[in-house]
Amino acid sequence: MKKTGSLSSAVVEPYAQGLMSAAREGNQAEKIGEDLRSILELLDNSPELQEFVANPVIKAENKKEILRRITGEETNKLLVNFLMLLVDKRRIVFLEQIGKQYLEILREINNIVLAEITSASELNEGQRQTLIEKVKTLTGATGVDLETTVEPELIGGVIIKVGSQVFDSSLKGQLRRIGLSLGADI
């Protein structure tokens, strides 16, 4: 469901802003954010669902039915109606990008940053909390959303990416820096 280019940005931003405006009007911004995270995680873990939602040949009613089943009774009604609108307007293909943009707007409103953490192994809860506190200190944010990825080739340590800033404390990164400094001295 990855789309890029001017059409994408011309579609994504207004829909995300519109959803945020409606959500804030009804004091539902946080709940919609939680529900959107769940839907995006489901899409991320199901290429079949991504394909189904993006397929222009599948009838709108079939897409709506599947989306209603996926969202269930617990999902915010405003969000469900928004998903139906995206299907009707043939914009459901942009759901992932609209959802991410909405969450970005929500983070800005709440002074929360997104930290992309790459580690050599799965992080435990204590390590996650330590990283959250470190990112808060580095950025001055009041909260942190973590997105974690495991890359065993890092050997140890972590790489923290917040916006355009990258903090590389991985063993692989340290070895690379040592190698560069040794190469420069020879």
C-alpha atoms as a PDB file:
ATOM      1  CA  MET A   1       0.000   0.000   0.000  1.00  0.00           C
ATOM      2  CA  LYS A   2       2.971   2.283  -0.363  1.00  0.00           C
ATOM      3  CA  LYS A   3       2.232   5.254  -2.603  1.00  0.00           C
ATOM      4  CA  THR A   4       4.540   8.169  -3.166  1.00  0.00           C
ATOM      5  CA  GLY A   5       4.474  11.398  -5.085  1.00  0.00           C
ATOM      6  CA  SER A   6       2.396  14.532  -5.238  1.00  0.00           C
ATOM      7  CA  LEU A   7      -0.969  12.728  -5.562  1.00  0.00           C
ATOM      8  CA  SER A   8      -0.196  10.842  -2.382  1.00  0.00           C
ATOM      9  CA  SER A   9       0.716  13.924  -0.355  1.00  0.00           C
ATOM     10  CA  ALA A  10      -2.229  15.853  -1.824  1.00  0.00           C
ATOM     11  CA  VAL A  11      -4.550  13.089  -0.567  1.00  0.00           C
ATOM     12  CA  VAL A  12      -2.887  12.054   2.689  1.00  0.00           C
ATOM     13  CA  GLU A  13      -2.520  15.420   4.428  1.00  0.00           C
ATOM     14  CA  PRO A  14      -6.119  16.686   3.980  1.00  0.00           C
ATOM     15  CA  TYR A  15      -7.658  13.362   5.033  1.00  0.00           C
ATOM     16  CA  ALA A  16      -5.400  13.068   8.089  1.00  0.00           C
ATOM     17  CA  GLN A  17      -6.119  16.696   9.057  1.00  0.00           C
ATOM     18  CA  GLY A  18      -9.847  16.180   8.511  1.00  0.00           C
ATOM     19  CA  LEU A  19      -9.889  13.100  10.710  1.00  0.00           C
ATOM     20  CA  MET A  20      -7.937  14.953  13.390  1.00  0.00           C
ATOM     21  CA  SER A  21     -10.332  17.931  13.286  1.00  0.00           C
ATOM     22  CA  ALA A  22     -13.354  15.661  13.679  1.00  0.00           C
ATOM     23  CA  ALA A  23     -11.623  13.647  16.412  1.00  0.00           C
ATOM     24  CA  ARG A  24     -10.645  16.717  18.443  1.00  0.00           C
ATOM     25  CA  GLU A  25     -14.140  18.149  18.111  1.00  0.00           C
ATOM     26  CA  GLY A  26     -15.488  15.094  19.891  1.00  0.00           C
ATOM     27  CA  ASN A  27     -12.526  14.696  22.287  1.00  0.00           C
ATOM     28  CA  GLN A  28     -11.714  11.382  20.616  1.00  0.00           C
ATOM     29  CA  ALA A  29      -8.218  12.037  19.233  1.00  0.00           C
ATOM     30  CA  GLU A  30      -6.443   9.622  21.605  1.00  0.00           C
ATOM     31  CA  LYS A  31      -8.958   6.784  21.171  1.00  0.00           C
ATOM     32  CA  ILE A  32      -8.820   7.109  17.380  1.00  0.00           C
ATOM     33  CA  GLY A  33      -5.026   7.107  17.611  1.00  0.00           C
ATOM     34  CA  GLU A  34      -5.085   3.832  19.574  1.00  0.00           C
ATOM     35  CA  ASP A  35      -7.528   2.246  17.128  1.00  0.00           C
ATOM     36  CA  LEU A  36      -5.498   3.437  14.149  1.00  0.00           C
ATOM     37  CA  ARG A  37      -2.324   1.932  15.635  1.00  0.00           C
ATOM     38  CA  SER A  38      -4.106  -1.423  15.892  1.00  0.00           C
ATOM     39  CA  ILE A  39      -5.366  -1.233  12.301  1.00  0.00           C
ATOM     40  CA  LEU A  40      -1.936  -0.219  10.978  1.00  0.00           C
ATOM     41  CA  GLU A  41      -0.305  -3.085  12.894  1.00  0.00           C
ATOM     42  CA  LEU A  42      -2.825  -5.489  11.407  1.00  0.00           C
ATOM     43  CA  LEU A  43      -2.128  -4.169   7.900  1.00  0.00           C
ATOM     44  CA  ASP A  44       1.610  -4.355   8.507  1.00  0.00           C
ATOM     45  CA  ASN A  45       1.332  -8.004   9.575  1.00  0.00           C
ATOM     46  CA  SER A  46      -1.003  -9.041   6.759  1.00  0.00           C
ATOM     47  CA  PRO A  47       0.153  -8.540   3.167  1.00  0.00           C
ATOM     48  CA  GLU A  48      -3.043 -10.309   2.071  1.00  0.00           C
ATOM     49  CA  LEU A  49      -5.174  -7.682   3.785  1.00  0.00           C
ATOM     50  CA  GLN A  50      -3.074  -4.891   2.260  1.00  0.00           C
ATOM     51  CA  GLU A  51      -3.577  -6.406  -1.170  1.00  0.00           C
ATOM     52  CA  PHE A  52      -7.325  -6.868  -0.606  1.00  0.00           C
ATOM     53  CA  VAL A  53      -7.840  -3.275   0.535  1.00  0.00           C
ATOM     54  CA  ALA A  54      -5.743  -1.825  -2.298  1.00  0.00           C
ATOM     55  CA  ASN A  55      -7.227  -3.993  -5.070  1.00  0.00           C
ATOM     56  CA  PRO A  56      -9.368  -1.746  -7.322  1.00  0.00           C
ATOM     57  CA  VAL A  57     -11.265  -4.759  -8.732  1.00  0.00           C
ATOM     58  CA  ILE A  58     -12.819  -5.713  -5.382  1.00  0.00           C
ATOM     59  CA  LYS A  59     -16.214  -4.115  -4.830  1.00  0.00           C
ATOM     60  CA  ALA A  60     -16.547  -1.333  -2.286  1.00  0.00           C
ATOM     61  CA  GLU A  61     -19.226  -3.232  -0.355  1.00  0.00           C
ATOM     62  CA  ASN A  62     -16.889  -6.220   0.059  1.00  0.00           C
ATOM     63  CA  LYS A  63     -14.126  -3.951   1.363  1.00  0.00           C
ATOM     64  CA  LYS A  64     -16.543  -2.267   3.767  1.00  0.00           C
ATOM     65  CA  GLU A  65     -17.734  -5.622   5.091  1.00  0.00           C
ATOM     66  CA  ILE A  66     -14.170  -6.824   5.757  1.00  0.00           C
ATOM     67  CA  LEU A  67     -13.234  -3.507   7.376  1.00  0.00           C
ATOM     68  CA  ARG A  68     -16.316  -3.688   9.628  1.00  0.00           C
ATOM     69  CA  ARG A  69     -15.351  -7.214  10.689  1.00  0.00           C
ATOM     70  CA  ILE A  70     -11.750  -6.204  11.342  1.00  0.00           C
ATOM     71  CA  THR A  71     -12.652  -3.130  13.359  1.00  0.00           C
ATOM     72  CA  GLY A  72     -15.379  -4.815  15.393  1.00  0.00           C
ATOM     73  CA  GLU A  73     -17.595  -3.182  17.991  1.00  0.00           C
ATOM     74  CA  GLU A  74     -14.759  -1.743  20.087  1.00  0.00           C
ATOM     75  CA  THR A  75     -13.397   0.550  17.371  1.00  0.00           C
ATOM     76  CA  ASN A  76     -14.371   4.205  17.523  1.00  0.00           C
ATOM     77  CA  LYS A  77     -17.454   4.823  15.332  1.00  0.00           C
ATOM     78  CA  LEU A  78     -15.981   8.009  13.885  1.00  0.00           C
ATOM     79  CA  LEU A  79     -12.979   6.013  12.679  1.00  0.00           C
ATOM     80  CA  VAL A  80     -15.180   3.273  11.207  1.00  0.00           C
ATOM     81  CA  ASN A  81     -17.204   5.911   9.339  1.00  0.00           C
ATOM     82  CA  PHE A  82     -13.959   7.478   8.142  1.00  0.00           C
ATOM     83  CA  LEU A  83     -12.800   4.102   6.776  1.00  0.00           C
ATOM     84  CA  MET A  84     -16.113   3.727   4.930  1.00  0.00           C
ATOM     85  CA  LEU A  85     -15.651   7.213   3.480  1.00  0.00           C
ATOM     86  CA  LEU A  86     -12.168   6.253   2.265  1.00  0.00           C
ATOM     87  CA  VAL A  87     -13.668   3.227   0.510  1.00  0.00           C
ATOM     88  CA  ASP A  88     -16.442   5.341  -1.075  1.00  0.00           C
ATOM     89  CA  LYS A  89     -13.952   7.962  -2.279  1.00  0.00           C
ATOM     90  CA  ARG A  90     -11.554   5.259  -3.540  1.00  0.00           C
ATOM     91  CA  ARG A  91      -8.886   6.516  -1.161  1.00  0.00           C
ATOM     92  CA  ILE A  92      -8.632   3.414   1.020  1.00  0.00           C
ATOM     93  CA  VAL A  93      -5.365   2.589  -0.756  1.00  0.00           C
ATOM     94  CA  PHE A  94      -3.873   5.514   1.204  1.00  0.00           C
ATOM     95  CA  LEU A  95      -5.038   4.206   4.595  1.00  0.00           C
ATOM     96  CA  GLU A  96      -1.561   3.352   5.854  1.00  0.00           C
ATOM     97  CA  GLN A  97      -0.148   6.765   4.955  1.00  0.00           C
ATOM     98  CA  ILE A  98      -3.190   8.638   6.275  1.00  0.00           C
ATOM     99  CA  GLY A  99      -2.970   6.674   9.532  1.00  0.00           C
ATOM    100  CA  LYS A 100       0.728   7.424   9.947  1.00  0.00           C
ATOM    101  CA  GLN A 101       0.150  11.106   9.187  1.00  0.00           C
ATOM    102  CA  TYR A 102      -2.689  11.239  11.742  1.00  0.00           C
ATOM    103  CA  LEU A 103      -0.422   9.674  14.386  1.00  0.00           C
ATOM    104  CA  GLU A 104       2.312  12.185  13.523  1.00  0.00           C
ATOM    105  CA  ILE A 105      -0.135  15.067  14.017  1.00  0.00           C
ATOM    106  CA  LEU A 106      -1.278  13.522  17.312  1.00  0.00           C
ATOM    107  CA  ARG A 107       2.343  13.256  18.499  1.00  0.00           C
ATOM    108  CA  GLU A 108       2.979  16.921  17.615  1.00  0.00           C
ATOM    109  CA  ILE A 109      -0.106  18.028  19.544  1.00  0.00           C
ATOM    110  CA  ASN A 110       0.974  16.019  22.600  1.00  0.00           C
ATOM    111  CA  ASN A 111       4.721  16.849  22.336  1.00  0.00           C
ATOM    112  CA  ILE A 112       5.533  13.188  21.755  1.00  0.00           C
ATOM    113  CA  VAL A 113       8.350  12.073  19.459  1.00  0.00           C
ATOM    114  CA  LEU A 114       8.675   8.905  17.446  1.00  0.00           C
ATOM    115  CA  ALA A 115      11.919   7.064  18.180  1.00  0.00           C
ATOM    116  CA  GLU A 116      12.901   4.300  15.786  1.00  0.00           C
ATOM    117  CA  ILE A 117      15.094   1.892  17.744  1.00  0.00           C
ATOM    118  CA  THR A 118      17.215  -0.731  16.035  1.00  0.00           C
ATOM    119  CA  SER A 119      18.812  -3.247  18.373  1.00  0.00           C
ATOM    120  CA  ALA A 120      20.812  -6.456  18.080  1.00  0.00           C
ATOM    121  CA  SER A 121      18.221  -8.381  20.092  1.00  0.00           C
ATOM    122  CA  GLU A 122      14.676  -7.972  21.398  1.00  0.00           C
ATOM    123  CA  LEU A 123      14.427  -5.278  24.104  1.00  0.00           C
ATOM    124  CA  ASN A 124      12.971  -6.080  27.511  1.00  0.00           C
ATOM    125  CA  GLU A 125      10.648  -3.659  29.309  1.00  0.00           C
ATOM    126  CA  GLY A 126      13.466  -2.207  31.439  1.00  0.00           C
ATOM    127  CA  GLN A 127      15.561  -1.456  28.357  1.00  0.00           C
ATOM    128  CA  ARG A 128      12.552   0.105  26.631  1.00  0.00           C
ATOM    129  CA  GLN A 129      11.934   2.404  29.626  1.00  0.00           C
ATOM    130  CA  THR A 130      15.616   3.383  29.755  1.00  0.00           C
ATOM    131  CA  LEU A 131      15.538   4.276  26.052  1.00  0.00           C
ATOM    132  CA  ILE A 132      12.321   6.270  26.481  1.00  0.00           C
ATOM    133  CA  GLU A 133      13.934   8.322  29.268  1.00  0.00           C
ATOM    134  CA  LYS A 134      17.093   8.820  27.179  1.00  0.00           C
ATOM    135  CA  VAL A 135      15.064  10.048  24.179  1.00  0.00           C
ATOM    136  CA  LYS A 136      13.040  12.392  26.422  1.00  0.00           C
ATOM    137  CA  THR A 137      16.310  13.860  27.715  1.00  0.00           C
ATOM    138  CA  LEU A 138      17.767  14.234  24.214  1.00  0.00           C
ATOM    139  CA  THR A 139      14.657  15.808  22.674  1.00  0.00           C
ATOM    140  CA  GLY A 140      12.831  17.563  25.509  1.00  0.00           C
ATOM    141  CA  ALA A 141       9.645  15.701  24.547  1.00  0.00           C
ATOM    142  CA  THR A 142       7.044  14.839  27.171  1.00  0.00           C
ATOM    143  CA  GLY A 143       6.480  11.380  25.691  1.00  0.00           C
ATOM    144  CA  VAL A 144       8.027   8.858  23.320  1.00  0.00           C
ATOM    145  CA  ASP A 145       6.517   6.336  20.915  1.00  0.00           C
ATOM    146  CA  LEU A 146       8.953   3.504  20.218  1.00  0.00           C
ATOM    147  CA  GLU A 147       9.146   1.570  16.971  1.00  0.00           C
ATOM    148  CA  THR A 148      11.616  -1.262  17.397  1.00  0.00           C
ATOM    149  CA  THR A 149      13.466  -3.377  14.864  1.00  0.00           C
ATOM    150  CA  VAL A 150      15.868  -6.230  15.565  1.00  0.00           C
ATOM    151  CA  GLU A 151      19.035  -6.511  13.449  1.00  0.00           C
ATOM    152  CA  PRO A 152      21.419  -9.160  14.855  1.00  0.00           C
ATOM    153  CA  GLU A 153      24.293  -7.889  12.661  1.00  0.00           C
ATOM    154  CA  LEU A 154      24.585  -4.848  14.990  1.00  0.00           C
ATOM    155  CA  ILE A 155      26.288  -7.290  17.418  1.00  0.00           C
ATOM    156  CA  GLY A 156      25.232  -5.205  20.442  1.00  0.00           C
ATOM    157  CA  GLY A 157      23.957  -1.781  21.436  1.00  0.00           C
ATOM    158  CA  VAL A 158      21.285   0.262  19.684  1.00  0.00           C
ATOM    159  CA  ILE A 159      20.706   2.828  16.982  1.00  0.00           C
ATOM    160  CA  ILE A 160      18.186   5.527  17.902  1.00  0.00           C
ATOM    161  CA  LYS A 161      16.599   7.613  15.151  1.00  0.00           C
ATOM    162  CA  VAL A 162      14.418  10.574  16.087  1.00  0.00           C
ATOM    163  CA  GLY A 163      13.410  12.631  13.075  1.00  0.00           C
ATOM    164  CA  SER A 164      16.621  13.362  11.178  1.00  0.00           C
ATOM    165  CA  GLN A 165      18.875  12.753  14.208  1.00  0.00           C
ATOM    166  CA  VAL A 166      20.628   9.393  14.497  1.00  0.00           C
ATOM    167  CA  PHE A 167      22.433   8.204  17.641  1.00  0.00           C
ATOM    168  CA  ASP A 168      24.481   5.104  16.839  1.00  0.00           C
ATOM    169  CA  SER A 169      25.773   3.299  19.920  1.00  0.00           C
ATOM    170  CA  SER A 170      25.853  -0.110  18.249  1.00  0.00           C
ATOM    171  CA  LEU A 171      28.960  -2.256  18.385  1.00  0.00           C
ATOM    172  CA  LYS A 172      28.956  -2.426  14.594  1.00  0.00           C
ATOM    173  CA  GLY A 173      28.902   1.400  14.419  1.00  0.00           C
ATOM    174  CA  GLN A 174      31.691   1.699  16.989  1.00  0.00           C
ATOM    175  CA  LEU A 175      33.842  -0.803  15.090  1.00  0.00           C
ATOM    176  CA  ARG A 176      33.207   1.070  11.842  1.00  0.00           C
ATOM    177  CA  ARG A 177      34.273   4.373  13.463  1.00  0.00           C
ATOM    178  CA  ILE A 178      37.435   2.751  14.884  1.00  0.00           C
ATOM    179  CA  GLY A 179      38.221   1.319  11.464  1.00  0.00           C
ATOM    180  CA  LEU A 180      37.799   4.718   9.821  1.00  0.00           C
ATOM    181  CA  SER A 181      40.032   6.424  12.386  1.00  0.00           C
ATOM    182  CA  LEU A 182      42.729   3.755  12.006  1.00  0.00           C
ATOM    183  CA  GLY A 183      42.539   4.024   8.233  1.00  0.00           C
ATOM    184  CA  ALA A 184      42.924   7.809   8.411  1.00  0.00           C
ATOM    185  CA  ASP A 185      46.075   7.552  10.586  1.00  0.00           C
ATOM    186  CA  ILE A 186      47.883   5.046   8.382  1.00  0.00           C
END
